[in-house]
Amino acid sequence: MNGRPCGAGLVGVFAVCALSAAADPADAALYNLRAAPQAAFVWTPQLPRIGEPISLKSTSSEPGGQITSYAWDFHDNGPFGAFEEGGPVAGASFATPAPHVVRLRVTDRDGLSNIAAETIQMTPPPPSVHIMNPFPIIRITGRTYARRVRIRQLAVRAPAGVRIKVRCRGRCPVKLASLASPSRTGRLEWVRVRRFERSFPAGAVLEVRVSGKGEIGAFTRFAVRRHKLPTRSDSCLDTPGIRAIACPAG
């Protein structure tokens, strides 16, 4: 029977009214709608090391239906993060010992989607490596446009007392910001670099350096591109706090 929606629906239930003008809405037939798929995944090893291959496997479910599409996102940057089409099994590796958020989006044959997000904790290098621990997390989120991006948040979560420096190269509305994380021992806090929370045109390249005395720190490069998503690369920072280097695995 052809029909039209009548009134507000219930969770998992949809009311359909007959097209006949003489039909009584009270006689509307109730049809159960299939729920959206439930995304989930697991990975091994549970605590990977820097550069170690990670195997991810979907454990998603779709009661009474079929999942037709899998897409993975290994860059936790809000709208800057891009899902890449793949399959139920994926591989990844990470260049820094910071925690990394991975997302899986599954879609069924009716176009219903669901997203699962998990944080993969990394095995920290041994103390002899002299790498910052906990390793800084650099978050850059915002929105893309054809010829620019709008950064809504640029924030760093790092140990107390480290130095945070952000520099922009190219066509930049602001060139430099330098600040320190609060020196409250034993606490990790997000520090927002509000001066860089604005629009940047295509061609601008942001470099974020997080350095500590005598320690290997964090380096992130964020490049704005025309008609494309920005690119981001993460690595370590040498002890003088100047040059990007590969993170030592220990």
Protein backbone atom coordinates (compact mmCIF):
# COMPACT_ATOMS: atom_id res chain seq x y z
CA MET A 1 0.00 0.00 0.00
CA ASN A 2 1.26 3.41 -0.95
CA GLY A 3 1.18 5.87 1.91
CA ARG A 4 2.26 9.13 3.43
CA PRO A 5 3.63 9.91 6.89
CA CYS A 6 1.02 11.02 9.41
CA GLY A 7 2.13 12.71 12.62
CA ALA A 8 5.27 12.26 14.65
CA GLY A 9 6.90 8.85 14.53
CA LEU A 10 8.19 6.69 17.36
CA VAL A 11 11.69 5.33 17.76
CA GLY A 12 11.91 2.30 15.48
CA VAL A 13 8.28 2.72 14.34
CA PHE A 14 6.80 4.75 11.47
CA ALA A 15 3.10 5.48 10.92
CA VAL A 16 1.81 5.43 7.33
CA CYS A 17 -1.63 6.78 6.39
CA ALA A 18 -3.65 5.53 3.42
CA LEU A 19 -3.88 7.99 0.54
CA SER A 20 -7.67 7.73 0.52
CA ALA A 21 -9.31 10.88 1.84
CA ALA A 22 -11.83 8.70 3.66
CA ALA A 23 -9.18 6.88 5.64
CA ASP A 24 -9.23 7.33 9.40
CA PRO A 25 -5.78 8.32 10.76
CA ALA A 26 -6.49 6.07 13.73
CA ASP A 27 -6.42 3.13 11.31
CA ALA A 28 -2.87 3.97 10.16
CA ALA A 29 -0.71 0.91 9.77
CA LEU A 30 2.48 0.77 11.81
CA TYR A 31 5.60 -0.43 10.08
CA ASN A 32 8.77 -1.37 11.91
CA LEU A 33 11.79 0.38 10.45
CA ARG A 34 15.13 -1.35 10.58
CA ALA A 35 17.60 0.40 12.87
CA ALA A 36 20.82 1.89 11.59
CA PRO A 37 23.93 -0.32 11.66
CA GLN A 38 26.10 -0.31 14.76
CA ALA A 39 29.74 0.48 14.05
CA ALA A 40 32.49 -1.12 16.14
CA PHE A 41 36.05 -2.33 15.62
CA VAL A 42 39.03 -3.92 17.37
CA TRP A 43 42.76 -3.68 16.74
CA THR A 44 46.04 -5.47 17.39
CA PRO A 45 48.47 -4.96 18.96
CA GLN A 46 46.57 -3.25 21.76
CA LEU A 47 49.50 -0.96 22.66
CA PRO A 48 51.45 -0.44 19.43
CA ARG A 49 54.88 1.13 19.24
CA ILE A 50 55.88 4.05 17.03
CA GLY A 51 55.80 2.93 13.40
CA GLU A 52 54.52 -0.56 14.23
CA PRO A 53 51.86 -1.91 11.81
CA ILE A 54 48.39 -2.01 13.36
CA SER A 55 45.64 -4.31 12.12
CA LEU A 56 42.08 -3.02 12.52
CA LYS A 57 38.99 -5.17 12.03
CA SER A 58 35.35 -4.14 11.95
CA THR A 59 33.03 -5.93 14.37
CA SER A 60 30.05 -3.87 13.23
CA SER A 61 26.56 -5.34 13.14
CA GLU A 62 23.46 -4.76 11.03
CA PRO A 63 20.40 -6.62 12.33
CA GLY A 64 18.40 -7.95 9.39
CA GLY A 65 20.37 -6.02 6.81
CA GLN A 66 23.70 -5.74 5.08
CA ILE A 67 26.62 -3.33 5.49
CA THR A 68 27.71 -2.17 2.06
CA SER A 69 30.34 0.48 2.84
CA TYR A 70 33.23 0.91 5.26
CA ALA A 71 35.25 4.11 5.64
CA TRP A 72 38.14 4.82 8.04
CA ASP A 73 39.50 8.08 9.47
CA PHE A 74 42.92 8.04 11.12
CA HIS A 75 43.20 11.82 11.63
CA ASP A 76 41.17 13.17 14.55
CA ASN A 77 40.72 16.70 13.20
CA GLY A 78 36.95 17.18 13.13
CA PRO A 79 35.87 18.39 9.67
CA PHE A 80 39.53 18.34 8.59
CA GLY A 81 39.56 14.60 9.15
CA ALA A 82 38.68 12.70 5.97
CA PHE A 83 37.05 9.28 5.84
CA GLU A 84 38.66 7.02 3.25
CA GLU A 85 36.64 4.23 1.70
CA GLY A 86 37.94 0.78 2.47
CA GLY A 87 36.82 -2.59 3.71
CA PRO A 88 36.09 -4.30 7.01
CA VAL A 89 39.85 -4.73 7.59
CA ALA A 90 42.37 -1.89 7.53
CA GLY A 91 45.97 -1.22 8.42
CA ALA A 92 47.65 1.80 9.98
CA SER A 93 50.72 2.97 11.86
CA PHE A 94 51.45 6.13 13.82
CA ALA A 95 54.57 8.27 13.85
CA THR A 96 54.25 9.66 17.37
CA PRO A 97 53.60 8.16 20.83
CA ALA A 98 50.56 10.39 21.45
CA PRO A 99 47.13 8.72 21.76
CA HIS A 100 45.43 8.50 18.37
CA VAL A 101 41.69 8.59 17.68
CA VAL A 102 40.47 6.30 14.89
CA ARG A 103 36.95 6.39 13.50
CA LEU A 104 35.02 3.84 11.44
CA ARG A 105 31.88 4.73 9.48
CA VAL A 106 29.64 1.93 8.25
CA THR A 107 26.73 2.36 5.84
CA ASP A 108 24.01 -0.14 4.95
CA ARG A 109 22.17 -0.74 1.68
CA ASP A 110 19.48 1.79 2.65
CA GLY A 111 22.05 4.54 3.19
CA LEU A 112 21.87 4.51 7.00
CA SER A 113 25.23 5.17 8.66
CA ASN A 114 26.84 4.94 12.07
CA ILE A 115 30.28 5.98 13.34
CA ALA A 116 32.45 4.39 16.02
CA ALA A 117 35.46 6.20 17.51
CA GLU A 118 38.20 4.61 19.61
CA THR A 119 41.42 5.97 21.09
CA ILE A 120 44.51 3.86 20.47
CA GLN A 121 47.04 4.27 23.25
CA MET A 122 50.66 3.90 22.21
CA THR A 123 53.49 2.20 24.08
CA PRO A 124 55.74 5.01 25.33
CA PRO A 125 59.44 4.82 24.47
CA PRO A 126 61.77 3.96 27.37
CA PRO A 127 63.01 6.81 29.60
CA SER A 128 66.47 6.53 28.07
CA VAL A 129 65.09 8.05 24.84
CA HIS A 130 64.35 11.37 26.61
CA ILE A 131 61.08 11.93 24.78
CA MET A 132 58.36 14.09 26.30
CA ASN A 133 56.00 11.96 28.37
CA PRO A 134 53.03 12.21 28.21
CA PHE A 135 53.59 13.14 24.59
CA PRO A 136 51.75 16.31 23.48
CA ILE A 137 48.44 16.14 21.63
CA ILE A 138 47.96 18.87 19.02
CA ARG A 139 44.36 19.48 17.96
CA ILE A 140 43.42 21.55 14.90
CA THR A 141 39.72 21.62 13.99
CA GLY A 142 37.65 23.82 11.75
CA ARG A 143 35.92 24.06 8.41
CA THR A 144 37.15 24.00 4.83
CA TYR A 145 36.12 26.34 2.01
CA ALA A 146 37.17 26.45 -1.64
CA ARG A 147 40.13 28.78 -1.12
CA ARG A 148 40.62 28.90 2.64
CA VAL A 149 40.07 27.16 5.94
CA ARG A 150 38.54 28.50 9.11
CA ILE A 151 40.33 27.18 12.20
CA ARG A 152 37.86 27.01 15.06
CA GLN A 153 40.26 25.54 17.59
CA LEU A 154 44.02 25.16 17.77
CA ALA A 155 44.90 23.62 21.12
CA VAL A 156 47.77 21.69 22.68
CA ARG A 157 47.63 19.26 25.60
CA ALA A 158 51.11 18.86 27.04
CA PRO A 159 53.03 18.43 30.29
CA ALA A 160 53.41 21.42 32.60
CA GLY A 161 55.85 24.17 31.70
CA VAL A 162 56.59 23.25 28.08
CA ARG A 163 56.89 25.91 25.38
CA ILE A 164 54.32 26.06 22.56
CA LYS A 165 55.23 27.99 19.41
CA VAL A 166 53.03 28.34 16.30
CA ARG A 167 54.41 29.90 13.11
CA CYS A 168 52.68 30.52 9.78
CA ARG A 169 54.54 30.65 6.47
CA GLY A 170 53.15 32.07 3.23
CA ARG A 171 50.08 34.33 3.07
CA CYS A 172 49.21 34.54 6.73
CA PRO A 173 46.93 36.92 8.67
CA VAL A 174 49.11 36.21 11.72
CA LYS A 175 52.70 35.00 11.72
CA LEU A 176 53.69 33.88 15.20
CA ALA A 177 52.38 32.96 18.64
CA SER A 178 54.40 31.71 21.59
CA LEU A 179 53.13 30.64 25.00
CA ALA A 180 53.75 28.14 27.77
CA SER A 181 51.52 25.48 29.25
CA PRO A 182 50.57 26.09 32.90
CA SER A 183 53.30 24.93 35.25
CA ARG A 184 51.03 23.02 37.64
CA THR A 185 52.97 19.87 38.37
CA GLY A 186 51.24 16.61 37.55
CA ARG A 187 48.40 18.16 35.57
CA LEU A 188 47.73 18.06 31.84
CA GLU A 189 45.65 20.91 30.48
CA TRP A 190 44.52 22.06 27.06
CA VAL A 191 46.12 25.34 26.00
CA ARG A 192 44.33 27.18 23.21
CA VAL A 193 46.32 29.27 20.76
CA ARG A 194 43.50 31.71 20.15
CA ARG A 195 45.54 34.04 17.98
CA PHE A 196 45.51 31.37 15.25
CA GLU A 197 41.81 30.59 15.51
CA ARG A 198 40.82 32.43 12.33
CA SER A 199 40.73 32.02 8.54
CA PHE A 200 43.85 31.12 6.55
CA PRO A 201 44.05 31.26 2.74
CA ALA A 202 45.28 28.50 0.46
CA GLY A 203 49.07 28.39 0.49
CA ALA A 204 49.41 29.11 4.20
CA VAL A 205 51.44 26.55 6.16
CA LEU A 206 51.20 26.34 9.95
CA GLU A 207 53.98 24.79 12.01
CA VAL A 208 53.33 23.87 15.65
CA ARG A 209 56.32 23.16 17.90
CA VAL A 210 56.04 21.87 21.46
CA SER A 211 59.40 21.79 23.20
CA GLY A 212 60.78 21.07 26.66
CA LYS A 213 64.21 21.49 28.15
CA GLY A 214 66.41 18.56 27.15
CA GLU A 215 63.47 16.57 25.79
CA ILE A 216 62.30 15.48 22.36
CA GLY A 217 59.04 17.33 21.70
CA ALA A 218 56.23 17.40 19.13
CA PHE A 219 56.02 18.94 15.67
CA THR A 220 52.93 19.31 13.45
CA ARG A 221 52.77 20.78 9.94
CA PHE A 222 49.36 21.88 8.62
CA ALA A 223 49.10 23.08 5.00
CA VAL A 224 46.05 24.82 3.51
CA ARG A 225 45.23 23.84 -0.08
CA ARG A 226 42.84 25.22 -2.70
CA HIS A 227 39.76 23.07 -3.42
CA LYS A 228 41.17 20.26 -1.27
CA LEU A 229 41.29 19.23 2.34
CA PRO A 230 44.34 20.55 4.19
CA THR A 231 47.21 18.15 4.78
CA ARG A 232 48.68 17.38 8.17
CA SER A 233 51.85 15.57 9.21
CA ASP A 234 53.01 14.79 12.75
CA SER A 235 56.49 13.97 13.95
CA CYS A 236 58.90 14.70 16.78
CA LEU A 237 60.92 17.85 17.48
CA ASP A 238 64.64 17.83 18.26
CA THR A 239 65.76 18.83 21.76
CA PRO A 240 66.72 22.41 20.74
CA GLY A 241 63.08 22.81 19.62
CA ILE A 242 63.91 23.72 16.02
CA ARG A 243 63.88 20.82 13.59
CA ALA A 244 61.33 18.08 12.87
CA ILE A 245 62.74 14.58 13.32
CA ALA A 246 61.42 11.03 13.22
CA CYS A 247 60.21 9.89 16.61
CA PRO A 248 62.56 7.31 18.15
CA ALA A 249 60.84 4.00 18.86
CA GLY A 250 63.33 3.05 21.58
